[in-house]
Amino acid sequence: EIWKEQRPDLILLDVNLPDGSGIDLMAEIRRFDRTP
């Protein structure tokens, strides 16, 4: 939700989160842009 609304300049992303894998979110983001 934050990424969609605010488009941060960089994301620090934990891989193991309570509701899934950060790798999956990264793949979703990579479909749209190259945010570090």
Full PDB file with SEQRES, HELIX, SHEET, SSBOND, CRYST1, ORIGX, SCALE, CONECT and MASTER records, all heavy atoms in Angstrom:
SEQRES   1 A   36  GLU ILE TRP LYS GLU GLN ARG PRO ASP LEU ILE LEU LEU          
SEQRES   2 A   36  ASP VAL ASN LEU PRO ASP GLY SER GLY ILE ASP LEU MET          
SEQRES   3 A   36  ALA GLU ILE ARG ARG PHE ASP ARG THR PRO                      
HELIX    1 AA1 ILE A    2  GLN A    6  1                                   5    
HELIX    2 AA2 GLY A   22  ARG A   30  1                                   9    
SHEET    1 AA1 2 ASN A  16  LEU A  17  0                                        
SHEET    2 AA1 2 GLY A  20  SER A  21 -1                                        
CRYST1    1.000    1.000    1.000  90.00  90.00  90.00 P 1           1          
ORIGX1      1.000000  0.000000  0.000000        0.00000                         
ORIGX2      0.000000  1.000000  0.000000        0.00000                         
ORIGX3      0.000000  0.000000  1.000000        0.00000                         
SCALE1      1.000000  0.000000  0.000000        0.00000                         
SCALE2      0.000000  1.000000  0.000000        0.00000                         
SCALE3      0.000000  0.000000  1.000000        0.00000                         
ATOM      1  N   GLU A   1       0.829  -1.212   0.000  1.00  0.00           N  
ATOM      2  CA  GLU A   1       0.000   0.000   0.000  1.00  0.00           C  
ATOM      3  C   GLU A   1       0.861   1.260   0.000  1.00  0.00           C  
ATOM      4  O   GLU A   1       0.592   2.206  -0.752  1.00  0.00           O  
ATOM      5  CB  GLU A   1      -0.935  -0.008   1.213  1.00  0.00           C  
ATOM      6  CG  GLU A   1      -2.016  -1.064   1.125  1.00  0.00           C  
ATOM      7  CD  GLU A   1      -2.787  -1.259   2.420  1.00  0.00           C  
ATOM      8  OE1 GLU A   1      -2.635  -0.437   3.356  1.00  0.00           O  
ATOM      9  OE2 GLU A   1      -3.542  -2.253   2.503  1.00  0.00           O  
ATOM     10  N   ILE A   2       1.887   1.283   0.834  1.00  0.00           N  
ATOM     11  CA  ILE A   2       2.778   2.450   0.890  1.00  0.00           C  
ATOM     12  C   ILE A   2       3.494   2.636  -0.439  1.00  0.00           C  
ATOM     13  O   ILE A   2       3.594   3.748  -0.954  1.00  0.00           O  
ATOM     14  CB  ILE A   2       3.782   2.317   2.057  1.00  0.00           C  
ATOM     15  CG1 ILE A   2       3.044   2.401   3.402  1.00  0.00           C  
ATOM     16  CG2 ILE A   2       4.871   3.387   1.966  1.00  0.00           C  
ATOM     17  CD1 ILE A   2       3.872   1.985   4.599  1.00  0.00           C  
ATOM     18  N   TRP A   3       3.993   1.540  -1.017  1.00  0.00           N  
ATOM     19  CA  TRP A   3       4.702   1.640  -2.295  1.00  0.00           C  
ATOM     20  C   TRP A   3       3.790   2.223  -3.376  1.00  0.00           C  
ATOM     21  O   TRP A   3       4.195   3.104  -4.118  1.00  0.00           O  
ATOM     22  CB  TRP A   3       5.241   0.270  -2.720  1.00  0.00           C  
ATOM     23  CG  TRP A   3       5.878   0.329  -4.067  1.00  0.00           C  
ATOM     24  CD1 TRP A   3       7.089   0.871  -4.379  1.00  0.00           C  
ATOM     25  CD2 TRP A   3       5.306  -0.126  -5.287  1.00  0.00           C  
ATOM     26  NE1 TRP A   3       7.314   0.770  -5.733  1.00  0.00           N  
ATOM     27  CE2 TRP A   3       6.230   0.166  -6.314  1.00  0.00           C  
ATOM     28  CE3 TRP A   3       4.111  -0.749  -5.620  1.00  0.00           C  
ATOM     29  CZ2 TRP A   3       5.989  -0.158  -7.638  1.00  0.00           C  
ATOM     30  CZ3 TRP A   3       3.871  -1.070  -6.939  1.00  0.00           C  
ATOM     31  CH2 TRP A   3       4.809  -0.770  -7.933  1.00  0.00           C  
ATOM     32  N   LYS A   4       2.567   1.733  -3.448  1.00  0.00           N  
ATOM     33  CA  LYS A   4       1.633   2.215  -4.472  1.00  0.00           C  
ATOM     34  C   LYS A   4       1.284   3.691  -4.287  1.00  0.00           C  
ATOM     35  O   LYS A   4       1.155   4.425  -5.261  1.00  0.00           O  
ATOM     36  CB  LYS A   4       0.354   1.377  -4.461  1.00  0.00           C  
ATOM     37  CG  LYS A   4       0.550   0.005  -5.049  1.00  0.00           C  
ATOM     38  CD  LYS A   4      -0.731  -0.803  -4.971  1.00  0.00           C  
ATOM     39  CE  LYS A   4      -0.508  -2.193  -5.548  1.00  0.00           C  
ATOM     40  NZ  LYS A   4      -1.722  -3.028  -5.419  1.00  0.00           N  
ATOM     41  N   GLU A   5       1.124   4.121  -3.036  1.00  0.00           N  
ATOM     42  CA  GLU A   5       0.707   5.490  -2.758  1.00  0.00           C  
ATOM     43  C   GLU A   5       1.854   6.500  -2.796  1.00  0.00           C  
ATOM     44  O   GLU A   5       1.688   7.629  -3.227  1.00  0.00           O  
ATOM     45  CB  GLU A   5       0.031   5.565  -1.388  1.00  0.00           C  
ATOM     46  CG  GLU A   5      -1.287   4.853  -1.314  1.00  0.00           C  
ATOM     47  CD  GLU A   5      -1.841   4.773   0.100  1.00  0.00           C  
ATOM     48  OE1 GLU A   5      -1.283   5.423   1.004  1.00  0.00           O  
ATOM     49  OE2 GLU A   5      -2.835   4.047   0.296  1.00  0.00           O  
ATOM     50  N   GLN A   6       3.040   6.094  -2.315  1.00  0.00           N  
ATOM     51  CA  GLN A   6       4.105   7.071  -2.101  1.00  0.00           C  
ATOM     52  C   GLN A   6       5.316   6.900  -3.010  1.00  0.00           C  
ATOM     53  O   GLN A   6       6.133   7.806  -3.106  1.00  0.00           O  
ATOM     54  CB  GLN A   6       4.541   7.033  -0.632  1.00  0.00           C  
ATOM     55  CG  GLN A   6       3.409   7.372   0.296  1.00  0.00           C  
ATOM     56  CD  GLN A   6       3.841   7.404   1.746  1.00  0.00           C  
ATOM     57  OE1 GLN A   6       4.989   7.681   2.067  1.00  0.00           O  
ATOM     58  NE2 GLN A   6       2.919   7.125   2.642  1.00  0.00           N  
ATOM     59  N   ARG A   7       5.490   5.765  -3.627  1.00  0.00           N  
ATOM     60  CA  ARG A   7       6.640   5.487  -4.501  1.00  0.00           C  
ATOM     61  C   ARG A   7       7.955   5.962  -3.879  1.00  0.00           C  
ATOM     62  O   ARG A   7       8.562   6.942  -4.329  1.00  0.00           O  
ATOM     63  CB  ARG A   7       6.447   6.104  -5.877  1.00  0.00           C  
ATOM     64  CG  ARG A   7       5.250   5.574  -6.640  1.00  0.00           C  
ATOM     65  CD  ARG A   7       5.411   4.103  -6.963  1.00  0.00           C  
ATOM     66  NE  ARG A   7       4.170   3.572  -7.512  1.00  0.00           N  
ATOM     67  CZ  ARG A   7       4.085   2.802  -8.574  1.00  0.00           C  
ATOM     68  NH1 ARG A   7       5.167   2.423  -9.187  1.00  0.00           N  
ATOM     69  NH2 ARG A   7       2.923   2.381  -8.988  1.00  0.00           N  
ATOM     70  N   PRO A   8       8.407   5.285  -2.831  1.00  0.00           N  
ATOM     71  CA  PRO A   8       9.649   5.693  -2.164  1.00  0.00           C  
ATOM     72  C   PRO A   8      10.857   5.600  -3.098  1.00  0.00           C  
ATOM     73  O   PRO A   8      10.813   4.912  -4.127  1.00  0.00           O  
ATOM     74  CB  PRO A   8       9.765   4.691  -1.008  1.00  0.00           C  
ATOM     75  CG  PRO A   8       8.995   3.505  -1.462  1.00  0.00           C  
ATOM     76  CD  PRO A   8       7.867   4.040  -2.292  1.00  0.00           C  
ATOM     77  N   ASP A   9      11.923   6.267  -2.722  1.00  0.00           N  
ATOM     78  CA  ASP A   9      13.142   6.277  -3.525  1.00  0.00           C  
ATOM     79  C   ASP A   9      13.962   5.005  -3.342  1.00  0.00           C  
ATOM     80  O   ASP A   9      14.779   4.663  -4.202  1.00  0.00           O  
ATOM     81  CB  ASP A   9      14.001   7.490  -3.141  1.00  0.00           C  
ATOM     82  CG  ASP A   9      13.273   8.784  -3.445  1.00  0.00           C  
ATOM     83  OD1 ASP A   9      13.018   9.044  -4.637  1.00  0.00           O  
ATOM     84  OD2 ASP A   9      12.929   9.504  -2.497  1.00  0.00           O  
ATOM     85  N   LEU A  10      13.759   4.305  -2.221  1.00  0.00           N  
ATOM     86  CA  LEU A  10      14.493   3.073  -1.936  1.00  0.00           C  
ATOM     87  C   LEU A  10      13.674   2.240  -0.954  1.00  0.00           C  
ATOM     88  O   LEU A  10      12.964   2.800  -0.113  1.00  0.00           O  
ATOM     89  CB  LEU A  10      15.857   3.385  -1.322  1.00  0.00           C  
ATOM     90  CG  LEU A  10      16.747   2.177  -1.004  1.00  0.00           C  
ATOM     91  CD1 LEU A  10      18.180   2.440  -1.457  1.00  0.00           C  
ATOM     92  CD2 LEU A  10      16.728   1.863   0.478  1.00  0.00           C  
ATOM     93  N   ILE A  11      13.789   0.907  -1.079  1.00  0.00           N  
ATOM     94  CA  ILE A  11      13.072   0.012  -0.174  1.00  0.00           C  
ATOM     95  C   ILE A  11      14.072  -0.907   0.517  1.00  0.00           C  
ATOM     96  O   ILE A  11      14.900  -1.549  -0.144  1.00  0.00           O  
ATOM     97  CB  ILE A  11      12.036  -0.837  -0.942  1.00  0.00           C  
ATOM     98  CG1 ILE A  11      11.037   0.064  -1.661  1.00  0.00           C  
ATOM     99  CG2 ILE A  11      11.333  -1.812   0.006  1.00  0.00           C  
ATOM    100  CD1 ILE A  11      10.129  -0.654  -2.639  1.00  0.00           C  
ATOM    101  N   LEU A  12      14.001  -0.942   1.839  1.00  0.00           N  
ATOM    102  CA  LEU A  12      14.729  -1.927   2.647  1.00  0.00           C  
ATOM    103  C   LEU A  12      13.708  -3.007   2.952  1.00  0.00           C  
ATOM    104  O   LEU A  12      12.703  -2.740   3.627  1.00  0.00           O  
ATOM    105  CB  LEU A  12      15.253  -1.300   3.934  1.00  0.00           C  
ATOM    106  CG  LEU A  12      16.308  -0.213   3.752  1.00  0.00           C  
ATOM    107  CD1 LEU A  12      16.624   0.445   5.087  1.00  0.00           C  
ATOM    108  CD2 LEU A  12      17.567  -0.795   3.141  1.00  0.00           C  
ATOM    109  N   LEU A  13      13.927  -4.213   2.452  1.00  0.00           N  
ATOM    110  CA  LEU A  13      12.886  -5.234   2.447  1.00  0.00           C  
ATOM    111  C   LEU A  13      13.344  -6.530   3.109  1.00  0.00           C  
ATOM    112  O   LEU A  13      14.263  -7.192   2.622  1.00  0.00           O  
ATOM    113  CB  LEU A  13      12.481  -5.503   0.988  1.00  0.00           C  
ATOM    114  CG  LEU A  13      11.406  -6.533   0.705  1.00  0.00           C  
ATOM    115  CD1 LEU A  13      10.101  -6.168   1.406  1.00  0.00           C  
ATOM    116  CD2 LEU A  13      11.198  -6.635  -0.808  1.00  0.00           C  
ATOM    117  N   ASP A  14      12.691  -6.859   4.216  1.00  0.00           N  
ATOM    118  CA  ASP A  14      12.940  -8.138   4.875  1.00  0.00           C  
ATOM    119  C   ASP A  14      12.391  -9.236   3.971  1.00  0.00           C  
ATOM    120  O   ASP A  14      11.348  -9.068   3.333  1.00  0.00           O  
ATOM    121  CB  ASP A  14      12.230  -8.153   6.234  1.00  0.00           C  
ATOM    122  CG  ASP A  14      12.572  -9.348   7.101  1.00  0.00           C  
ATOM    123  OD1 ASP A  14      13.444 -10.152   6.716  1.00  0.00           O  
ATOM    124  OD2 ASP A  14      11.965  -9.478   8.169  1.00  0.00           O  
ATOM    125  N   VAL A  15      13.077 -10.361   3.910  1.00  0.00           N  
ATOM    126  CA  VAL A  15      12.624 -11.467   3.073  1.00  0.00           C  
ATOM    127  C   VAL A  15      11.514 -12.252   3.759  1.00  0.00           C  
ATOM    128  O   VAL A  15      10.523 -12.614   3.139  1.00  0.00           O  
ATOM    129  CB  VAL A  15      13.806 -12.387   2.701  1.00  0.00           C  
ATOM    130  CG1 VAL A  15      13.322 -13.645   1.996  1.00  0.00           C  
ATOM    131  CG2 VAL A  15      14.805 -11.644   1.822  1.00  0.00           C  
ATOM    132  N   ASN A  16      11.660 -12.518   5.046  1.00  0.00           N  
ATOM    133  CA  ASN A  16      10.702 -13.347   5.779  1.00  0.00           C  
ATOM    134  C   ASN A  16       9.767 -12.483   6.602  1.00  0.00           C  
ATOM    135  O   ASN A  16      10.137 -11.975   7.659  1.00  0.00           O  
ATOM    136  CB  ASN A  16      11.455 -14.319   6.692  1.00  0.00           C  
ATOM    137  CG  ASN A  16      12.400 -15.205   5.911  1.00  0.00           C  
ATOM    138  OD1 ASN A  16      12.005 -15.835   4.941  1.00  0.00           O  
ATOM    139  ND2 ASN A  16      13.644 -15.240   6.322  1.00  0.00           N  
ATOM    140  N   LEU A  17       8.559 -12.319   6.102  1.00  0.00           N  
ATOM    141  CA  LEU A  17       7.558 -11.498   6.777  1.00  0.00           C  
ATOM    142  C   LEU A  17       6.365 -12.364   7.176  1.00  0.00           C  
ATOM    143  O   LEU A  17       6.163 -13.437   6.603  1.00  0.00           O  
ATOM    144  CB  LEU A  17       7.127 -10.352   5.857  1.00  0.00           C  
ATOM    145  CG  LEU A  17       8.240  -9.318   5.624  1.00  0.00           C  
ATOM    146  CD1 LEU A  17       8.021  -8.554   4.341  1.00  0.00           C  
ATOM    147  CD2 LEU A  17       8.333  -8.382   6.814  1.00  0.00           C  
ATOM    148  N   PRO A  18       5.568 -11.919   8.144  1.00  0.00           N  
ATOM    149  CA  PRO A  18       4.482 -12.764   8.638  1.00  0.00           C  
ATOM    150  C   PRO A  18       3.440 -13.122   7.583  1.00  0.00           C  
ATOM    151  O   PRO A  18       2.803 -14.167   7.673  1.00  0.00           O  
ATOM    152  CB  PRO A  18       3.860 -11.949   9.772  1.00  0.00           C  
ATOM    153  CG  PRO A  18       4.433 -10.593   9.694  1.00  0.00           C  
ATOM    154  CD  PRO A  18       5.666 -10.654   8.866  1.00  0.00           C  
ATOM    155  N   ASP A  19       3.267 -12.287   6.571  1.00  0.00           N  
ATOM    156  CA  ASP A  19       2.254 -12.554   5.554  1.00  0.00           C  
ATOM    157  C   ASP A  19       2.846 -12.946   4.205  1.00  0.00           C  
ATOM    158  O   ASP A  19       2.178 -12.861   3.176  1.00  0.00           O  
ATOM    159  CB  ASP A  19       1.293 -11.369   5.417  1.00  0.00           C  
ATOM    160  CG  ASP A  19       1.978 -10.051   5.095  1.00  0.00           C  
ATOM    161  OD1 ASP A  19       3.208  -9.934   5.301  1.00  0.00           O  
ATOM    162  OD2 ASP A  19       1.284  -9.120   4.640  1.00  0.00           O  
ATOM    163  N   GLY A  20       4.113 -13.368   4.182  1.00  0.00           N  
ATOM    164  CA  GLY A  20       4.688 -13.859   2.931  1.00  0.00           C  
ATOM    165  C   GLY A  20       6.148 -13.497   2.760  1.00  0.00           C  
ATOM    166  O   GLY A  20       6.815 -13.074   3.705  1.00  0.00           O  
ATOM    167  N   SER A  21       6.598 -13.650   1.531  1.00  0.00           N  
ATOM    168  CA  SER A  21       8.007 -13.437   1.204  1.00  0.00           C  
ATOM    169  C   SER A  21       8.246 -12.073   0.560  1.00  0.00           C  
ATOM    170  O   SER A  21       7.529 -11.688  -0.374  1.00  0.00           O  
ATOM    171  CB  SER A  21       8.476 -14.532   0.240  1.00  0.00           C  
ATOM    172  OG  SER A  21       9.756 -14.220  -0.272  1.00  0.00           O  
ATOM    173  N   GLY A  22       9.272 -11.393   1.045  1.00  0.00           N  
ATOM    174  CA  GLY A  22       9.674 -10.126   0.436  1.00  0.00           C  
ATOM    175  C   GLY A  22      10.105 -10.302  -1.012  1.00  0.00           C  
ATOM    176  O   GLY A  22       9.989  -9.380  -1.819  1.00  0.00           O  
ATOM    177  N   ILE A  23      10.597 -11.492  -1.357  1.00  0.00           N  
ATOM    178  CA  ILE A  23      10.995 -11.775  -2.748  1.00  0.00           C  
ATOM    179  C   ILE A  23       9.783 -11.630  -3.670  1.00  0.00           C  
ATOM    180  O   ILE A  23       9.894 -11.101  -4.775  1.00  0.00           O  
ATOM    181  CB  ILE A  23      11.596 -13.192  -2.871  1.00  0.00           C  
ATOM    182  CG1 ILE A  23      12.840 -13.343  -1.997  1.00  0.00           C  
ATOM    183  CG2 ILE A  23      11.878 -13.540  -4.327  1.00  0.00           C  
ATOM    184  CD1 ILE A  23      14.098 -12.706  -2.504  1.00  0.00           C  
ATOM    185  N   ASP A  24       8.610 -12.073  -3.214  1.00  0.00           N  
ATOM    186  CA  ASP A  24       7.392 -11.950  -4.020  1.00  0.00           C  
ATOM    187  C   ASP A  24       7.014 -10.488  -4.230  1.00  0.00           C  
ATOM    188  O   ASP A  24       6.641 -10.090  -5.344  1.00  0.00           O  
ATOM    189  CB  ASP A  24       6.228 -12.697  -3.367  1.00  0.00           C  
ATOM    190  CG  ASP A  24       6.458 -14.200  -3.315  1.00  0.00           C  
ATOM    191  OD1 ASP A  24       7.237 -14.725  -4.148  1.00  0.00           O  
ATOM    192  OD2 ASP A  24       5.863 -14.855  -2.440  1.00  0.00           O  
ATOM    193  N   LEU A  25       7.112  -9.684  -3.179  1.00  0.00           N  
ATOM    194  CA  LEU A  25       6.822  -8.252  -3.324  1.00  0.00           C  
ATOM    195  C   LEU A  25       7.829  -7.600  -4.264  1.00  0.00           C  
ATOM    196  O   LEU A  25       7.459  -6.787  -5.109  1.00  0.00           O  
ATOM    197  CB  LEU A  25       6.831  -7.545  -1.970  1.00  0.00           C  
ATOM    198  CG  LEU A  25       6.612  -6.032  -2.027  1.00  0.00           C  
ATOM    199  CD1 LEU A  25       5.252  -5.696  -2.643  1.00  0.00           C  
ATOM    200  CD2 LEU A  25       6.747  -5.408  -0.646  1.00  0.00           C  
ATOM    201  N   MET A  26       9.090  -7.981  -4.145  1.00  0.00           N  
ATOM    202  CA  MET A  26      10.108  -7.420  -5.023  1.00  0.00           C  
ATOM    203  C   MET A  26       9.785  -7.746  -6.492  1.00  0.00           C  
ATOM    204  O   MET A  26       9.899  -6.872  -7.363  1.00  0.00           O  
ATOM    205  CB  MET A  26      11.496  -7.951  -4.649  1.00  0.00           C  
ATOM    206  CG  MET A  26      12.604  -7.374  -5.505  1.00  0.00           C  
ATOM    207  SD  MET A  26      14.242  -7.851  -4.931  1.00  0.00           S  
ATOM    208  CE  MET A  26      14.192  -9.628  -5.149  1.00  0.00           C  
ATOM    209  N   ALA A  27       9.365  -8.974  -6.766  1.00  0.00           N  
ATOM    210  CA  ALA A  27       9.011  -9.353  -8.136  1.00  0.00           C  
ATOM    211  C   ALA A  27       7.838  -8.515  -8.648  1.00  0.00           C  
ATOM    212  O   ALA A  27       7.827  -8.084  -9.807  1.00  0.00           O  
ATOM    213  CB  ALA A  27       8.666 -10.845  -8.187  1.00  0.00           C  
ATOM    214  N   GLU A  28       6.878  -8.259  -7.776  1.00  0.00           N  
ATOM    215  CA  GLU A  28       5.727  -7.427  -8.140  1.00  0.00           C  
ATOM    216  C   GLU A  28       6.177  -6.007  -8.481  1.00  0.00           C  
ATOM    217  O   GLU A  28       5.770  -5.432  -9.491  1.00  0.00           O  
ATOM    218  CB  GLU A  28       4.747  -7.416  -6.970  1.00  0.00           C  
ATOM    219  CG  GLU A  28       3.471  -6.691  -7.212  1.00  0.00           C  
ATOM    220  CD  GLU A  28       2.564  -6.749  -5.989  1.00  0.00           C  
ATOM    221  OE1 GLU A  28       2.529  -7.781  -5.301  1.00  0.00           O  
ATOM    222  OE2 GLU A  28       1.895  -5.725  -5.727  1.00  0.00           O  
ATOM    223  N   ILE A  29       7.032  -5.441  -7.650  1.00  0.00           N  
ATOM    224  CA  ILE A  29       7.535  -4.089  -7.878  1.00  0.00           C  
ATOM    225  C   ILE A  29       8.350  -4.032  -9.161  1.00  0.00           C  
ATOM    226  O   ILE A  29       8.234  -3.086  -9.947  1.00  0.00           O  
ATOM    227  CB  ILE A  29       8.365  -3.609  -6.666  1.00  0.00           C  
ATOM    228  CG1 ILE A  29       7.439  -3.382  -5.461  1.00  0.00           C  
ATOM    229  CG2 ILE A  29       9.157  -2.339  -6.996  1.00  0.00           C  
ATOM    230  CD1 ILE A  29       8.166  -3.159  -4.152  1.00  0.00           C  
ATOM    231  N   ARG A  30       9.167  -5.032  -9.400  1.00  0.00           N  
ATOM    232  CA  ARG A  30      10.032  -5.050 -10.587  1.00  0.00           C  
ATOM    233  C   ARG A  30       9.236  -5.072 -11.885  1.00  0.00           C  
ATOM    234  O   ARG A  30       9.741  -4.684 -12.930  1.00  0.00           O  
ATOM    235  CB  ARG A  30      10.995  -6.248 -10.544  1.00  0.00           C  
ATOM    236  CG  ARG A  30      12.115  -6.070  -9.540  1.00  0.00           C  
ATOM    237  CD  ARG A  30      13.060  -4.950 -10.020  1.00  0.00           C  
ATOM    238  NE  ARG A  30      14.105  -4.712  -9.067  1.00  0.00           N  
ATOM    239  CZ  ARG A  30      14.222  -3.627  -8.326  1.00  0.00           C  
ATOM    240  NH1 ARG A  30      13.336  -2.659  -8.413  1.00  0.00           N  
ATOM    241  NH2 ARG A  30      15.233  -3.470  -7.507  1.00  0.00           N  
ATOM    242  N   ARG A  31       7.996  -5.493 -11.845  1.00  0.00           N  
ATOM    243  CA  ARG A  31       7.159  -5.451 -13.057  1.00  0.00           C  
ATOM    244  C   ARG A  31       6.842  -4.018 -13.450  1.00  0.00           C  
ATOM    245  O   ARG A  31       6.500  -3.749 -14.603  1.00  0.00           O  
ATOM    246  CB  ARG A  31       5.872  -6.230 -12.843  1.00  0.00           C  
ATOM    247  CG  ARG A  31       6.083  -7.733 -12.819  1.00  0.00           C  
ATOM    248  CD  ARG A  31       4.781  -8.490 -12.976  1.00  0.00           C  
ATOM    249  NE  ARG A  31       3.793  -8.164 -11.967  1.00  0.00           N  
ATOM    250  CZ  ARG A  31       3.528  -8.905 -10.891  1.00  0.00           C  
ATOM    251  NH1 ARG A  31       4.192 -10.012 -10.676  1.00  0.00           N  
ATOM    252  NH2 ARG A  31       2.587  -8.531 -10.045  1.00  0.00           N  
ATOM    253  N   PHE A  32       6.929  -3.080 -12.487  1.00  0.00           N  
ATOM    254  CA  PHE A  32       6.539  -1.704 -12.747  1.00  0.00           C  
ATOM    255  C   PHE A  32       7.692  -0.711 -12.764  1.00  0.00           C  
ATOM    256  O   PHE A  32       7.644   0.264 -13.506  1.00  0.00           O  
ATOM    257  CB  PHE A  32       5.504  -1.245 -11.699  1.00  0.00           C  
ATOM    258  CG  PHE A  32       4.248  -2.056 -11.737  1.00  0.00           C  
ATOM    259  CD1 PHE A  32       4.036  -3.069 -10.821  1.00  0.00           C  
ATOM    260  CD2 PHE A  32       3.297  -1.832 -12.715  1.00  0.00           C  
ATOM    261  CE1 PHE A  32       2.876  -3.835 -10.869  1.00  0.00           C  
ATOM    262  CE2 PHE A  32       2.139  -2.588 -12.778  1.00  0.00           C  
ATOM    263  CZ  PHE A  32       1.936  -3.593 -11.846  1.00  0.00           C  
ATOM    264  N   ASP A  33       8.694  -0.901 -11.914  1.00  0.00           N  
ATOM    265  CA  ASP A  33       9.794   0.063 -11.911  1.00  0.00           C  
ATOM    266  C   ASP A  33      11.076  -0.516 -11.316  1.00  0.00           C  
ATOM    267  O   ASP A  33      11.119  -1.664 -10.902  1.00  0.00           O  
ATOM    268  CB  ASP A  33       9.394   1.374 -11.211  1.00  0.00           C  
ATOM    269  CG  ASP A  33       9.266   1.278  -9.709  1.00  0.00           C  
ATOM    270  OD1 ASP A  33      10.042   0.574  -9.054  1.00  0.00           O  
ATOM    271  OD2 ASP A  33       8.377   1.948  -9.177  1.00  0.00           O  
ATOM    272  N   ARG A  34      12.101   0.314 -11.291  1.00  0.00           N  
ATOM    273  CA  ARG A  34      13.438  -0.110 -10.868  1.00  0.00           C  
ATOM    274  C   ARG A  34      13.841   0.538  -9.546  1.00  0.00           C  
ATOM    275  O   ARG A  34      15.028   0.764  -9.301  1.00  0.00           O  
ATOM    276  CB  ARG A  34      14.469   0.240 -11.953  1.00  0.00           C  
ATOM    277  CG  ARG A  34      14.227  -0.367 -13.313  1.00  0.00           C  
ATOM    278  CD  ARG A  34      14.144  -1.863 -13.349  1.00  0.00           C  
ATOM    279  NE  ARG A  34      15.321  -2.524 -12.801  1.00  0.00           N  
ATOM    280  CZ  ARG A  34      15.380  -3.803 -12.488  1.00  0.00           C  
ATOM    281  NH1 ARG A  34      14.338  -4.568 -12.654  1.00  0.00           N  
ATOM    282  NH2 ARG A  34      16.473  -4.321 -11.992  1.00  0.00           N  
ATOM    283  N   THR A  35      12.893   0.825  -8.677  1.00  0.00           N  
ATOM    284  CA  THR A  35      13.211   1.363  -7.354  1.00  0.00           C  
ATOM    285  C   THR A  35      14.300   0.501  -6.709  1.00  0.00           C  
ATOM    286  O   THR A  35      14.167  -0.720  -6.674  1.00  0.00           O  
ATOM    287  CB  THR A  35      11.952   1.343  -6.450  1.00  0.00           C  
ATOM    288  OG1 THR A  35      10.933   2.127  -7.064  1.00  0.00           O  
ATOM    289  CG2 THR A  35      12.261   1.874  -5.065  1.00  0.00           C  
ATOM    290  N   PRO A  36      15.380   1.100  -6.222  1.00  0.00           N  
ATOM    291  CA  PRO A  36      16.409   0.282  -5.557  1.00  0.00           C  
ATOM    292  C   PRO A  36      15.829  -0.463  -4.361  1.00  0.00           C  
ATOM    293  O   PRO A  36      15.091   0.110  -3.555  1.00  0.00           O  
ATOM    294  CB  PRO A  36      17.451   1.302  -5.105  1.00  0.00           C  
ATOM    295  CG  PRO A  36      17.220   2.510  -5.949  1.00  0.00           C  
ATOM    296  CD  PRO A  36      15.748   2.514  -6.258  1.00  0.00           C  
TER     297      PRO A  36                                                      
MASTER        0    0    0    2    2    0    0    6  296    1    0    3          
END                                                                             
